[in-house]
Amino acid sequence: MSNNKKPKTVVKANCKTSKKPASCPPDTKLNYISTKPKTFNFSLSTFVLNLYLYNGKELQKDFGLDWYDYGARFYDAELGRFHTQDRFAEKYSFQSPYVYAGNDPIKNIDVNGDSLTANAWKWANKITNNTNNQIASNNQKQSNLNTKLKNGNIKQKAYNRKTKRLNDANNELNATIGEIATLASSNQWYDVQESSGLTSANGSAAAGITSFDFNTDMVVMTVDTKNYDLGAMAHEFKHAHQFETGELDLTSITNSEGGILASKFTESEANYRSQFFGSTTTTPPINNDARKSTNGYTKAIMSSTYKRLKASHKHAYRINKQTVIWTP
């Protein structure tokens, strides 16, 4: 028996119109994540190869050497050592002249192989940054004074007094930066040790002590950083520079016999320096003419002062840019 029914005609609803028929599914937005990998076309010419890798030092790939440029010398990471001696190896007489980071790479980094210790650099940078900020502030103050003088808002006498004060301050601050540079370029190694509740050799409380470590041949600036400010550190950096220039002798931190070569201005200069970095001491600036007329280290070295040095405890002092250790 034949089937006389006609096939149904299927009409597809236009669901893209604004008036959708009832047969259209409800609006549903689905976010699909494609699993098909995307292809990108890059040109190597648009990229710059980064060669500043380990410790931020530049990797030298010439001739397949793969050495790191540390400025003063090259470092071979495969061997973990330098190929040339530190040009200031005398500062590390208790270590090999080839060691990296003072032989303590966990605690230290090697800046250029010829610098202050890492902790000394930390405080030297703090002092330097503070110094630069003060100089910039003083320069702005001077500019304001110049404007006031031009506009007739300040008397000449007051202008001269304030200008001199700013100039004296900037001279001392610039000297601070120069002295830190002198210590950094010396063949003597300088270190900083942070302490809490520091006590001097005679039993009194102390903000800081600069001494000589006869085991490591280092000048050590020990400062009570918990109870004192940056002024105490600047004070000891001044003493370190006095040692560097031969104006001050040093002994161990447990001995109170240091300072035989010191003049009457040695401590005053350090106190004056500390005032610029938060210290509450009130020491007037040192008169340069009076300073030059004193019997300092250079005149005393062959006099009775030097005899006192030789007759006392073990001391270290500088002469002709070399450190001398005297053992009686």
Protein backbone atom coordinates (compact mmCIF):
# COMPACT_ATOMS: atom_id res chain seq x y z
CA MET A 1 0.00 0.00 0.00
CA SER A 2 1.51 3.24 -0.98
CA ASN A 3 2.14 6.16 1.38
CA ASN A 4 0.25 9.18 0.10
CA LYS A 5 1.39 11.57 2.91
CA LYS A 6 3.38 14.56 1.77
CA PRO A 7 6.68 15.28 3.56
CA LYS A 8 6.63 18.17 6.01
CA THR A 9 8.21 21.39 4.92
CA VAL A 10 10.86 22.57 7.47
CA VAL A 11 11.05 26.33 7.76
CA LYS A 12 14.20 27.62 9.51
CA ALA A 13 13.51 30.59 11.75
CA ASN A 14 15.68 33.67 11.28
CA CYS A 15 17.09 34.07 14.80
CA LYS A 16 19.38 36.93 13.80
CA THR A 17 16.60 39.49 13.49
CA SER A 18 15.58 41.84 16.26
CA LYS A 19 12.11 40.17 16.35
CA LYS A 20 12.92 36.55 16.93
CA PRO A 21 10.28 33.85 16.46
CA ALA A 22 9.27 31.77 19.45
CA SER A 23 11.11 28.81 18.01
CA CYS A 24 14.47 30.51 18.50
CA PRO A 25 16.54 29.46 21.54
CA PRO A 26 16.98 32.03 24.32
CA ASP A 27 19.96 34.40 24.17
CA THR A 28 22.92 32.75 25.82
CA LYS A 29 26.49 33.94 25.53
CA LEU A 30 29.10 31.27 25.97
CA ASN A 31 32.84 31.85 26.22
CA TYR A 32 34.71 29.20 24.33
CA ILE A 33 38.40 28.48 24.87
CA SER A 34 40.02 27.37 21.69
CA THR A 35 42.38 24.46 21.94
CA LYS A 36 43.87 25.21 18.58
CA PRO A 37 47.40 26.58 18.98
CA LYS A 38 47.94 30.08 17.71
CA THR A 39 50.82 30.88 15.43
CA PHE A 40 52.81 34.11 15.79
CA ASN A 41 55.39 35.42 13.39
CA PHE A 42 58.35 37.13 15.11
CA SER A 43 61.43 38.67 13.62
CA LEU A 44 64.66 38.20 15.58
CA SER A 45 65.68 41.67 14.51
CA THR A 46 63.08 43.13 16.87
CA PHE A 47 64.70 41.62 19.98
CA VAL A 48 67.83 42.66 21.91
CA LEU A 49 69.64 39.81 23.61
CA ASN A 50 70.06 40.47 27.35
CA LEU A 51 73.63 39.70 28.37
CA TYR A 52 73.43 41.24 31.87
CA LEU A 53 72.83 38.08 33.83
CA TYR A 54 74.59 36.81 36.97
CA ASN A 55 74.93 39.62 39.56
CA GLY A 56 73.83 41.99 36.80
CA LYS A 57 77.23 41.68 35.14
CA GLU A 58 77.62 41.49 31.37
CA LEU A 59 78.33 38.05 29.92
CA GLN A 60 81.18 38.18 27.43
CA LYS A 61 80.48 35.51 24.78
CA ASP A 62 83.41 36.44 22.54
CA PHE A 63 85.41 33.41 21.40
CA GLY A 64 83.05 31.19 23.42
CA LEU A 65 84.66 32.20 26.73
CA ASP A 66 81.41 32.98 28.58
CA TRP A 67 83.10 35.15 31.20
CA TYR A 68 81.36 37.83 33.27
CA ASP A 69 82.79 41.34 33.16
CA TYR A 70 83.23 42.59 36.75
CA GLY A 71 85.05 45.75 35.73
CA ALA A 72 88.34 45.14 37.50
CA ARG A 73 88.55 41.52 36.33
CA PHE A 74 86.63 38.70 34.62
CA TYR A 75 84.70 35.98 36.42
CA ASP A 76 84.30 32.41 35.15
CA ALA A 77 81.01 31.06 36.51
CA GLU A 78 81.85 27.50 35.47
CA LEU A 79 84.93 27.49 37.69
CA GLY A 80 83.56 29.88 40.29
CA ARG A 81 86.67 32.05 40.34
CA PHE A 82 88.49 34.97 38.77
CA HIS A 83 91.42 34.50 36.39
CA THR A 84 93.38 37.56 37.48
CA GLN A 85 94.36 38.91 40.84
CA ASP A 86 92.45 41.70 42.51
CA ARG A 87 94.46 44.85 41.80
CA PHE A 88 94.09 45.69 45.52
CA ALA A 89 94.84 42.18 46.71
CA GLU A 90 96.94 43.60 49.55
CA LYS A 91 93.69 44.59 51.25
CA TYR A 92 92.83 40.88 51.51
CA SER A 93 96.18 39.62 52.78
CA PHE A 94 94.45 36.97 54.89
CA GLN A 95 92.70 35.51 51.81
CA SER A 96 93.62 34.40 48.34
CA PRO A 97 93.87 37.29 45.85
CA TYR A 98 91.55 35.32 43.55
CA VAL A 99 88.59 34.79 45.89
CA TYR A 100 85.12 36.06 45.06
CA ALA A 101 83.02 38.28 47.37
CA GLY A 102 85.41 38.05 50.28
CA ASN A 103 85.05 34.24 50.15
CA ASP A 104 81.47 34.60 51.41
CA PRO A 105 79.15 34.79 48.36
CA ILE A 106 76.05 34.22 50.51
CA LYS A 107 76.60 37.41 52.52
CA ASN A 108 78.57 39.57 50.09
CA ILE A 109 78.70 40.59 46.45
CA ASP A 110 81.84 41.59 44.58
CA VAL A 111 81.35 45.16 43.42
CA ASN A 112 84.48 45.66 41.35
CA GLY A 113 87.02 43.65 43.27
CA ASP A 114 88.58 46.76 44.75
CA SER A 115 86.09 48.34 47.12
CA LEU A 116 85.04 48.69 50.73
CA THR A 117 83.34 45.67 52.25
CA ALA A 118 79.68 45.17 51.35
CA ASN A 119 78.48 46.43 54.73
CA ALA A 120 80.80 49.43 54.58
CA TRP A 121 79.43 50.26 51.15
CA LYS A 122 75.89 50.02 52.48
CA TRP A 123 76.56 52.74 55.05
CA ALA A 124 78.80 54.74 52.74
CA ASN A 125 75.94 54.90 50.25
CA LYS A 126 73.51 55.97 52.98
CA ILE A 127 75.84 58.80 54.00
CA THR A 128 76.43 59.79 50.36
CA ASN A 129 72.72 59.86 49.51
CA ASN A 130 71.97 61.91 52.61
CA THR A 131 74.83 64.25 51.73
CA ASN A 132 73.61 64.80 48.17
CA ASN A 133 70.12 65.58 49.44
CA GLN A 134 71.50 68.15 51.88
CA ILE A 135 73.61 69.80 49.20
CA ALA A 136 70.59 70.05 46.89
CA SER A 137 68.54 71.55 49.72
CA ASN A 138 71.27 74.06 50.56
CA ASN A 139 71.57 75.09 46.92
CA GLN A 140 67.83 75.76 46.82
CA LYS A 141 68.08 77.81 49.99
CA GLN A 142 70.89 79.83 48.43
CA SER A 143 68.78 80.43 45.34
CA ASN A 144 65.95 81.68 47.53
CA LEU A 145 68.33 84.01 49.35
CA ASN A 146 69.55 85.41 46.03
CA THR A 147 65.98 86.13 45.02
CA LYS A 148 65.26 87.86 48.34
CA LEU A 149 68.38 90.00 48.00
CA LYS A 150 67.45 90.96 44.45
CA ASN A 151 63.95 91.95 45.53
CA GLY A 152 65.20 93.84 48.56
CA ASN A 153 63.56 91.45 51.04
CA ILE A 154 66.72 90.78 53.04
CA LYS A 155 69.51 92.96 54.35
CA GLN A 156 73.01 92.47 52.98
CA LYS A 157 74.46 91.61 56.40
CA ALA A 158 71.90 88.87 56.99
CA TYR A 159 72.39 87.62 53.44
CA ASN A 160 76.14 87.35 53.92
CA ARG A 161 75.76 85.53 57.23
CA LYS A 162 73.33 82.94 55.86
CA THR A 163 75.31 82.50 52.66
CA LYS A 164 78.48 81.78 54.62
CA ARG A 165 76.63 79.23 56.72
CA LEU A 166 75.37 77.43 53.61
CA ASN A 167 78.81 77.52 51.97
CA ASP A 168 80.47 76.12 55.09
CA ALA A 169 77.90 73.34 55.22
CA ASN A 170 78.36 72.42 51.56
CA ASN A 171 82.13 72.44 51.95
CA GLU A 172 81.88 69.94 54.80
CA LEU A 173 79.37 67.81 52.91
CA ASN A 174 81.52 67.74 49.77
CA ALA A 175 84.48 66.77 51.94
CA THR A 176 82.42 63.85 53.26
CA ILE A 177 81.91 62.46 49.75
CA GLY A 178 85.58 62.95 48.92
CA GLU A 179 86.74 61.16 52.05
CA ILE A 180 84.53 58.15 51.32
CA ALA A 181 86.05 57.99 47.83
CA THR A 182 89.52 58.09 49.41
CA LEU A 183 88.69 55.13 51.65
CA ALA A 184 87.26 53.18 48.73
CA SER A 185 90.40 53.62 46.63
CA SER A 186 92.82 52.87 49.46
CA ASN A 187 94.91 49.71 49.66
CA GLN A 188 93.62 49.37 53.22
CA TRP A 189 90.39 47.45 53.77
CA TYR A 190 87.64 49.21 55.76
CA ASP A 191 84.67 47.41 57.29
CA VAL A 192 81.52 48.31 59.26
CA GLN A 193 80.10 46.20 62.06
CA GLU A 194 76.64 46.91 63.44
CA SER A 195 76.20 46.48 67.18
CA SER A 196 73.69 47.08 69.97
CA GLY A 197 74.58 48.47 73.38
CA LEU A 198 78.21 49.11 72.48
CA THR A 199 80.68 49.52 75.35
CA SER A 200 84.11 51.09 75.07
CA ALA A 201 87.31 49.56 76.45
CA ASN A 202 87.03 51.60 79.66
CA GLY A 203 83.50 50.29 80.29
CA SER A 204 81.47 53.36 79.31
CA ALA A 205 78.64 53.34 76.77
CA ALA A 206 79.70 54.29 73.27
CA ALA A 207 77.88 55.21 70.07
CA GLY A 208 80.74 53.93 67.95
CA ILE A 209 84.34 52.75 68.02
CA THR A 210 86.86 52.67 65.20
CA SER A 211 89.51 50.01 65.79
CA PHE A 212 91.99 47.79 64.00
CA ASP A 213 91.47 44.04 63.69
CA PHE A 214 94.97 42.55 63.82
CA ASN A 215 93.66 39.15 62.70
CA THR A 216 92.28 40.42 59.41
CA ASP A 217 94.29 43.67 59.07
CA MET A 218 91.01 45.56 58.66
CA VAL A 219 89.94 48.91 60.04
CA VAL A 220 86.58 48.21 61.64
CA MET A 221 83.98 50.89 62.34
CA THR A 222 81.67 49.41 64.98
CA VAL A 223 78.50 51.45 65.58
CA ASP A 224 75.51 50.98 67.87
CA THR A 225 72.97 51.28 65.04
CA LYS A 226 70.06 50.38 67.32
CA ASN A 227 70.37 53.35 69.65
CA TYR A 228 72.13 55.95 67.49
CA ASP A 229 71.49 57.61 64.16
CA LEU A 230 73.47 58.13 60.98
CA GLY A 231 75.50 60.79 62.78
CA ALA A 232 77.36 58.11 64.75
CA MET A 233 78.29 56.33 61.52
CA ALA A 234 79.48 59.57 59.90
CA HIS A 235 81.55 60.20 63.05
CA GLU A 236 83.36 56.86 62.70
CA PHE A 237 83.85 57.29 58.94
CA LYS A 238 85.64 60.52 59.79
CA HIS A 239 87.93 58.65 62.17
CA ALA A 240 88.59 56.06 59.46
CA HIS A 241 89.68 58.83 57.10
CA GLN A 242 91.89 60.29 59.83
CA PHE A 243 93.56 56.89 60.07
CA GLU A 244 93.91 56.74 56.28
CA THR A 245 95.71 60.09 56.18
CA GLY A 246 98.00 59.29 59.11
CA GLU A 247 96.34 61.60 61.64
CA LEU A 248 95.14 58.82 63.91
CA ASP A 249 96.55 55.51 65.09
CA LEU A 250 94.31 52.57 66.01
CA THR A 251 94.47 49.58 68.29
CA SER A 252 92.12 46.66 68.95
CA ILE A 253 88.53 47.29 70.03
CA THR A 254 89.31 45.85 73.49
CA ASN A 255 92.18 48.27 74.06
CA SER A 256 91.77 51.90 75.14
CA GLU A 257 95.31 52.98 74.24
CA GLY A 258 94.56 54.28 70.73
CA GLY A 259 94.77 57.88 69.62
CA ILE A 260 98.37 58.60 70.60
CA LEU A 261 98.98 60.30 67.26
CA ALA A 262 95.74 62.26 67.44
CA SER A 263 95.77 66.04 67.63
CA LYS A 264 93.42 68.12 69.73
CA PHE A 265 91.16 68.47 66.68
CA THR A 266 90.72 64.77 65.91
CA GLU A 267 87.59 64.23 68.00
CA SER A 268 86.24 67.73 67.37
CA GLU A 269 86.34 67.15 63.61
CA ALA A 270 84.42 63.90 63.97
CA ASN A 271 81.84 65.56 66.24
CA TYR A 272 81.43 68.43 63.80
CA ARG A 273 80.91 65.97 60.94
CA SER A 274 78.26 64.02 62.84
CA GLN A 275 76.13 67.15 63.31
CA PHE A 276 75.26 67.12 59.62
CA PHE A 277 73.73 63.65 59.93
CA GLY A 278 71.44 63.96 62.92
CA SER A 279 73.80 64.09 65.89
CA THR A 280 72.79 66.46 68.69
CA THR A 281 76.36 67.46 69.55
CA THR A 282 77.13 71.16 69.16
CA THR A 283 80.69 71.48 67.93
CA PRO A 284 81.73 74.63 66.05
CA PRO A 285 83.53 74.34 62.70
CA ILE A 286 87.28 73.85 62.87
CA ASN A 287 89.43 76.84 62.05
CA ASN A 288 91.59 75.76 59.12
CA ASP A 289 94.46 78.07 60.06
CA ALA A 290 94.55 76.66 63.58
CA ARG A 291 94.28 73.13 62.17
CA LYS A 292 97.32 73.59 59.92
CA SER A 293 99.45 75.04 62.70
CA THR A 294 99.11 72.03 65.01
CA ASN A 295 101.81 69.47 65.50
CA GLY A 296 100.06 66.71 63.60
CA TYR A 297 101.18 63.24 62.69
CA THR A 298 103.74 64.25 60.08
CA LYS A 299 105.66 66.41 62.56
CA ALA A 300 105.25 64.07 65.49
CA ILE A 301 106.30 60.85 63.84
CA MET A 302 109.97 61.30 64.76
CA SER A 303 109.30 63.07 68.06
CA SER A 304 108.37 62.04 71.57
CA THR A 305 104.86 61.21 70.38
CA TYR A 306 106.27 58.46 68.18
CA LYS A 307 108.32 57.18 71.09
CA ARG A 308 105.13 56.92 73.14
CA LEU A 309 103.58 54.92 70.33
CA LYS A 310 106.46 52.48 70.24
CA ALA A 311 106.40 52.04 73.99
CA SER A 312 102.68 51.32 74.25
CA HIS A 313 100.38 48.56 73.11
CA LYS A 314 100.15 47.05 69.64
CA HIS A 315 99.14 49.78 67.20
CA ALA A 316 98.40 50.32 63.53
CA TYR A 317 99.01 53.56 61.68
CA ARG A 318 99.44 54.82 58.12
CA ILE A 319 102.52 56.39 56.62
CA ASN A 320 103.24 56.99 52.93
CA LYS A 321 99.90 55.34 52.04
CA GLN A 322 100.92 52.09 53.70
CA THR A 323 99.64 50.52 56.91
CA VAL A 324 102.26 49.85 59.56
CA ILE A 325 101.62 47.53 62.50
CA TRP A 326 103.79 48.17 65.54
CA THR A 327 104.22 45.45 68.14
CA PRO A 328 106.21 46.60 71.20
